[in-house]
Amino acid sequence: MQRFATTVLDTSGNAVASATVTVNLAGTTTAATLYSDNTYTALANPVIAGADGSFEFYAAPSRYD
């Protein structure tokens, strides 16, 4: 299981609060299976970023868009 974490920023570099983040398998429109921790606790996809624009999820090692 791999942890992914980042912050959604607008074109001016400001955090985007409560942004909707959809994670797909690379090169497809297929939604990836996401987890909230490394013990396979399911997480909804799309993910909603926090008030500071940050979000995180766990997923199998792979490439995602």
Protein backbone atom coordinates (compact mmCIF):
# COMPACT_ATOMS: atom_id res chain seq x y z
CA MET A 1 0.00 0.00 0.00
CA GLN A 2 1.31 3.44 -0.88
CA ARG A 3 0.37 6.77 0.75
CA PHE A 4 -0.37 9.74 -1.50
CA ALA A 5 -0.73 13.25 -0.02
CA THR A 6 -0.70 16.73 -1.52
CA THR A 7 -2.52 20.05 -1.55
CA VAL A 8 -4.84 21.42 -4.23
CA LEU A 9 -3.64 24.85 -5.37
CA ASP A 10 -5.14 27.36 -7.78
CA THR A 11 -3.09 29.04 -10.52
CA SER A 12 -1.96 31.74 -8.05
CA GLY A 13 -0.66 29.15 -5.57
CA ASN A 14 -3.51 29.52 -3.09
CA ALA A 15 -4.98 26.44 -1.41
CA VAL A 16 -8.42 25.42 -2.68
CA ALA A 17 -10.63 24.57 0.29
CA SER A 18 -12.99 21.60 -0.07
CA ALA A 19 -11.83 20.78 -3.62
CA THR A 20 -13.22 17.59 -5.12
CA VAL A 21 -10.37 15.28 -6.17
CA THR A 22 -11.11 12.32 -8.43
CA VAL A 23 -8.37 9.70 -8.72
CA ASN A 24 -8.33 7.53 -11.86
CA LEU A 25 -6.11 4.74 -13.07
CA ALA A 26 -3.49 6.38 -15.30
CA GLY A 27 -4.65 7.02 -18.85
CA THR A 28 -8.23 5.94 -18.17
CA THR A 29 -11.48 7.23 -16.78
CA THR A 30 -11.68 4.27 -14.38
CA ALA A 31 -11.90 5.36 -10.75
CA ALA A 32 -9.11 3.99 -8.59
CA THR A 33 -9.82 2.06 -5.40
CA LEU A 34 -8.78 4.23 -2.47
CA TYR A 35 -8.25 3.60 1.22
CA SER A 36 -8.05 5.92 4.22
CA ASP A 37 -5.21 3.94 5.80
CA ASN A 38 -2.82 1.11 5.02
CA THR A 39 -5.13 -1.51 6.51
CA TYR A 40 -7.62 -1.35 3.61
CA THR A 41 -10.28 0.87 5.18
CA ALA A 42 -12.36 1.98 2.18
CA LEU A 43 -12.33 5.65 1.16
CA ALA A 44 -14.78 7.30 -1.24
CA ASN A 45 -13.50 8.41 -4.64
CA PRO A 46 -13.73 11.36 -5.24
CA VAL A 47 -11.95 12.66 -2.14
CA ILE A 48 -12.84 16.05 -0.66
CA ALA A 49 -9.84 18.20 0.30
CA GLY A 50 -9.76 19.85 3.69
CA ALA A 51 -10.14 23.54 4.49
CA ASP A 52 -6.43 23.98 3.73
CA GLY A 53 -6.72 22.17 0.38
CA SER A 54 -4.86 19.11 1.62
CA PHE A 55 -5.90 15.53 1.01
CA GLU A 56 -4.42 12.07 1.32
CA PHE A 57 -5.26 8.51 0.45
CA TYR A 58 -3.67 5.09 0.25
CA ALA A 59 -3.74 2.91 -2.86
CA ALA A 60 -1.92 0.01 -4.41
CA PRO A 61 1.43 1.03 -5.94
CA SER A 62 0.60 2.14 -9.46
CA ARG A 63 0.20 5.25 -11.61
CA TYR A 64 -2.79 7.52 -11.15
CA ASP A 65 -4.27 10.63 -12.77
